[in-house]
Amino acid sequence: MVKFKGVIFDLDGVLCHTDEYHYLAWQQLAQQEGIYFDRLINQRLLGISRSESLEIVLERAGRTYTQAEKSRLAERKNELYRQYLLRMTPADLTTGAEKVLQTLEAAGVKLAVGSSSRNARFILDKLGISSKFQVIIDGNVLQHSKPDKEVFCKALAALHLAADQCLVVEDAVSGIQAAVSAGIKTAGIGKVIEQTAVDYTLHAISDLLPVVLGTGSQRHAFNNLG
């Protein structure tokens, strides 16, 4: 008997890592516009929507942009980003991710992706894992990005599962906040386990299996991670 009937995965930072591609695309766009941009500024863009990210990039612009101009800039950034994404292959999957998905699928666990990215399906196709997920909720069907709970509420509805039957796997504080707002247990991976409280800590994606299959232990205290 599995502990969770469904698992909702964030994409970037969990199943793959495209942070560098995002950075390079924003950097290229900023250079084209004559705007200063560096990795420190880029850290502020993690886990938020493209439009919100653009507003941060434009903080150092020497002029004010109209909404129409912002829309064109956002689309241009996406075009640059997708050019970088063309380099992706199944080799870009997080180590152990494919085995985790196969094992959960074989155990009858329903799998979903809940991502604010409008490129989620494109990335999943490049990684060769689209068929593993019964549900893909991405930025193309969302009105609000994380930390709003919309993405996970839509995923629950599509999976036909209750909040207490699912687990969300996230690497960003905004994603953890969204899951908590939706009433779903959280498994954190990466730096997020040092930044906020989660129900389960994953030091590698393979750590998810004992949690979902019923043999994992709930984390006791944030400061006892070791």
Protein backbone atom coordinates (compact mmCIF):
# COMPACT_ATOMS: atom_id res chain seq x y z
CA MET A 1 0.00 0.00 0.00
CA VAL A 2 1.56 3.26 -1.13
CA LYS A 3 1.57 6.24 1.23
CA PHE A 4 0.65 8.70 -1.54
CA LYS A 5 -1.57 7.93 -4.50
CA GLY A 6 -0.22 10.85 -6.52
CA VAL A 7 2.99 12.83 -6.84
CA ILE A 8 3.14 16.30 -8.39
CA PHE A 9 6.60 17.28 -9.55
CA ASP A 10 7.95 20.72 -10.15
CA LEU A 11 10.03 20.55 -13.32
CA ASP A 12 13.05 22.81 -13.28
CA GLY A 13 15.37 22.03 -10.37
CA VAL A 14 13.63 18.73 -9.66
CA LEU A 15 13.47 16.63 -12.82
CA CYS A 16 16.02 18.70 -14.72
CA HIS A 17 18.06 21.87 -14.41
CA THR A 18 17.57 24.72 -16.87
CA ASP A 19 18.61 27.59 -14.59
CA GLU A 20 21.70 28.29 -16.67
CA TYR A 21 19.67 28.48 -19.87
CA HIS A 22 17.28 30.96 -18.23
CA TYR A 23 20.22 33.04 -17.07
CA LEU A 24 21.87 33.08 -20.49
CA ALA A 25 18.61 34.08 -22.18
CA TRP A 26 17.92 36.91 -19.73
CA GLN A 27 21.53 38.06 -19.98
CA GLN A 28 21.35 38.12 -23.78
CA LEU A 29 18.08 40.06 -23.71
CA ALA A 30 19.47 42.56 -21.20
CA GLN A 31 22.58 43.10 -23.30
CA GLN A 32 20.44 43.76 -26.36
CA GLU A 33 18.54 46.41 -24.39
CA GLY A 34 21.65 47.91 -22.79
CA ILE A 35 20.53 46.89 -19.28
CA TYR A 36 22.90 45.68 -16.57
CA PHE A 37 22.22 42.09 -15.51
CA ASP A 38 24.24 39.64 -13.42
CA ARG A 39 23.88 36.35 -11.56
CA LEU A 40 22.90 38.08 -8.32
CA ILE A 41 19.93 39.72 -10.05
CA ASN A 42 19.17 36.39 -11.70
CA GLN A 43 18.75 34.77 -8.27
CA ARG A 44 15.69 36.97 -7.75
CA LEU A 45 14.05 35.44 -10.81
CA LEU A 46 14.00 31.86 -9.57
CA GLY A 47 10.54 30.37 -9.16
CA ILE A 48 8.54 33.30 -10.53
CA SER A 49 6.78 33.92 -13.85
CA ARG A 50 8.35 35.35 -16.98
CA SER A 51 6.42 38.61 -16.69
CA GLU A 52 7.43 39.05 -13.05
CA SER A 53 11.04 38.26 -13.97
CA LEU A 54 10.98 40.85 -16.72
CA GLU A 55 9.87 43.55 -14.28
CA ILE A 56 12.94 42.80 -12.16
CA VAL A 57 15.25 42.88 -15.19
CA LEU A 58 13.79 46.24 -16.25
CA GLU A 59 14.43 47.82 -12.84
CA ARG A 60 17.84 48.92 -14.15
CA ALA A 61 16.56 50.09 -17.52
CA GLY A 62 17.21 53.68 -18.49
CA ARG A 63 13.67 54.23 -19.68
CA THR A 64 10.08 53.16 -19.12
CA TYR A 65 8.65 50.40 -21.31
CA THR A 66 5.05 50.24 -22.46
CA GLN A 67 3.01 47.11 -21.83
CA ALA A 68 3.21 46.25 -25.52
CA GLU A 69 6.99 46.57 -25.43
CA LYS A 70 7.15 44.37 -22.33
CA SER A 71 5.11 41.72 -24.07
CA ARG A 72 7.50 41.74 -27.01
CA LEU A 73 10.51 41.55 -24.68
CA ALA A 74 9.01 38.61 -22.80
CA GLU A 75 8.40 36.79 -26.07
CA ARG A 76 11.91 37.56 -27.28
CA LYS A 77 13.37 36.16 -24.06
CA ASN A 78 11.32 33.01 -24.53
CA GLU A 79 12.61 32.62 -28.08
CA LEU A 80 16.19 32.94 -26.83
CA TYR A 81 15.49 30.46 -24.04
CA ARG A 82 13.94 27.91 -26.41
CA GLN A 83 17.03 28.11 -28.59
CA TYR A 84 19.08 27.01 -25.59
CA LEU A 85 16.53 24.31 -24.76
CA LEU A 86 17.10 22.74 -28.17
CA ARG A 87 20.36 21.44 -26.72
CA MET A 88 18.52 19.32 -24.13
CA THR A 89 18.41 15.53 -24.35
CA PRO A 90 17.35 12.71 -21.97
CA ALA A 91 20.90 12.96 -20.60
CA ASP A 92 19.80 16.22 -18.92
CA LEU A 93 17.42 14.40 -16.60
CA THR A 94 18.31 14.68 -12.93
CA THR A 95 20.37 11.64 -11.93
CA GLY A 96 18.00 8.88 -10.84
CA ALA A 97 14.84 10.64 -12.04
CA GLU A 98 13.99 8.14 -14.76
CA LYS A 99 14.21 5.19 -12.37
CA VAL A 100 12.08 7.01 -9.80
CA LEU A 101 9.37 7.72 -12.37
CA GLN A 102 9.44 4.13 -13.64
CA THR A 103 9.20 2.71 -10.11
CA LEU A 104 6.33 4.97 -9.09
CA GLU A 105 4.49 4.27 -12.33
CA ALA A 106 4.87 0.52 -11.78
CA ALA A 107 3.49 0.92 -8.25
CA GLY A 108 0.35 2.56 -9.64
CA VAL A 109 1.13 6.05 -8.38
CA LYS A 110 -0.40 8.83 -10.49
CA LEU A 111 2.20 11.30 -11.72
CA ALA A 112 1.81 14.97 -12.61
CA VAL A 113 3.95 17.98 -13.40
CA GLY A 114 2.99 21.31 -11.86
CA SER A 115 5.12 24.07 -13.34
CA SER A 116 4.69 27.79 -13.96
CA SER A 117 6.77 27.44 -17.13
CA ARG A 118 5.01 27.75 -20.48
CA ASN A 119 7.75 25.55 -21.93
CA ALA A 120 7.11 22.59 -19.64
CA ARG A 121 5.74 20.27 -22.34
CA PHE A 122 8.54 21.20 -24.73
CA ILE A 123 11.13 20.40 -22.05
CA LEU A 124 9.45 17.12 -21.11
CA ASP A 125 9.46 16.10 -24.76
CA LYS A 126 13.17 16.91 -25.05
CA LEU A 127 13.81 14.85 -21.92
CA GLY A 128 11.78 11.97 -23.33
CA ILE A 129 9.47 11.61 -20.31
CA SER A 130 6.19 13.25 -21.35
CA SER A 131 4.41 9.90 -21.45
CA LYS A 132 5.18 9.25 -17.78
CA PHE A 133 2.71 11.90 -16.63
CA GLN A 134 -1.06 11.61 -16.66
CA VAL A 135 -1.34 15.33 -15.97
CA ILE A 136 0.79 18.32 -17.02
CA ILE A 137 -0.23 21.70 -15.60
CA ASP A 138 1.92 24.52 -16.97
CA GLY A 139 1.99 28.27 -17.42
CA ASN A 140 -0.23 28.07 -20.49
CA VAL A 141 -3.27 27.19 -18.36
CA LEU A 142 -2.50 29.26 -15.26
CA GLN A 143 -3.70 32.71 -14.30
CA HIS A 144 -1.38 32.93 -11.30
CA SER A 145 2.16 31.68 -10.75
CA LYS A 146 3.54 30.18 -7.55
CA PRO A 147 3.29 30.90 -4.62
CA ASP A 148 -0.38 30.97 -5.64
CA LYS A 149 -1.90 27.52 -5.13
CA GLU A 150 -3.67 27.45 -8.51
CA VAL A 151 -1.17 25.12 -10.19
CA PHE A 152 -1.56 22.44 -7.54
CA CYS A 153 -5.32 22.80 -7.21
CA LYS A 154 -5.62 22.24 -10.96
CA ALA A 155 -3.31 19.22 -10.73
CA LEU A 156 -5.37 17.68 -7.93
CA ALA A 157 -8.57 18.16 -9.91
CA ALA A 158 -7.05 16.60 -13.03
CA LEU A 159 -5.68 13.66 -11.06
CA HIS A 160 -9.05 13.19 -9.31
CA LEU A 161 -7.28 13.00 -5.96
CA ALA A 162 -7.69 14.79 -2.64
CA ALA A 163 -4.94 16.97 -1.22
CA ASP A 164 -4.07 14.43 1.50
CA GLN A 165 -3.54 11.74 -1.14
CA CYS A 166 -0.77 13.64 -2.92
CA LEU A 167 2.78 14.81 -2.39
CA VAL A 168 4.43 17.80 -4.07
CA VAL A 169 8.15 17.69 -4.91
CA GLU A 170 9.68 21.18 -5.04
CA ASP A 171 13.03 22.97 -4.98
CA ALA A 172 11.77 26.55 -4.48
CA VAL A 173 10.23 28.38 -1.55
CA SER A 174 7.42 29.73 -3.74
CA GLY A 175 6.52 26.18 -4.75
CA ILE A 176 6.50 24.95 -1.16
CA GLN A 177 4.27 27.88 -0.19
CA ALA A 178 1.88 27.07 -3.04
CA ALA A 179 1.65 23.42 -1.99
CA VAL A 180 1.04 24.31 1.64
CA SER A 181 -1.71 26.71 0.58
CA ALA A 182 -3.32 23.86 -1.35
CA GLY A 183 -3.12 21.60 1.71
CA ILE A 184 -0.62 19.18 0.15
CA LYS A 185 2.37 17.58 1.88
CA THR A 186 5.75 18.70 0.56
CA ALA A 187 9.05 17.04 -0.25
CA GLY A 188 11.88 19.53 -0.67
CA ILE A 189 15.06 19.00 -2.64
CA GLY A 190 18.09 21.24 -3.05
CA LYS A 191 18.59 24.54 -1.24
CA VAL A 192 14.90 24.86 -0.32
CA ILE A 193 15.40 22.44 2.57
CA GLU A 194 17.69 25.03 4.13
CA GLN A 195 15.27 27.89 3.48
CA THR A 196 11.88 26.75 4.71
CA ALA A 197 10.07 23.92 6.47
CA VAL A 198 9.05 20.92 4.39
CA ASP A 199 7.43 17.63 5.37
CA TYR A 200 10.13 15.46 3.81
CA THR A 201 13.71 16.24 2.86
CA LEU A 202 15.25 14.73 -0.26
CA HIS A 203 19.01 14.84 -0.64
CA ALA A 204 18.62 13.08 -3.99
CA ILE A 205 15.56 12.38 -6.12
CA SER A 206 15.91 8.67 -5.29
CA ASP A 207 15.05 9.54 -1.66
CA LEU A 208 11.49 10.06 -2.87
CA LEU A 209 10.79 6.35 -3.32
CA PRO A 210 10.70 5.29 0.35
CA VAL A 211 8.59 8.35 1.15
CA VAL A 212 5.92 7.63 -1.44
CA LEU A 213 5.99 3.87 -1.11
CA GLY A 214 5.41 4.07 2.63
CA THR A 215 8.77 3.46 4.26
CA GLY A 216 10.05 7.05 4.51
CA SER A 217 10.21 8.94 7.80
CA GLN A 218 8.77 12.38 8.32
CA ARG A 219 11.31 15.05 9.08
CA HIS A 220 11.45 15.99 12.75
CA ALA A 221 12.91 19.47 12.86
CA PHE A 222 14.29 21.97 10.40
CA ASN A 223 17.56 22.35 12.30
CA ASN A 224 18.20 18.60 12.52
CA LEU A 225 19.09 18.09 8.87
CA GLY A 226 22.78 17.40 9.62
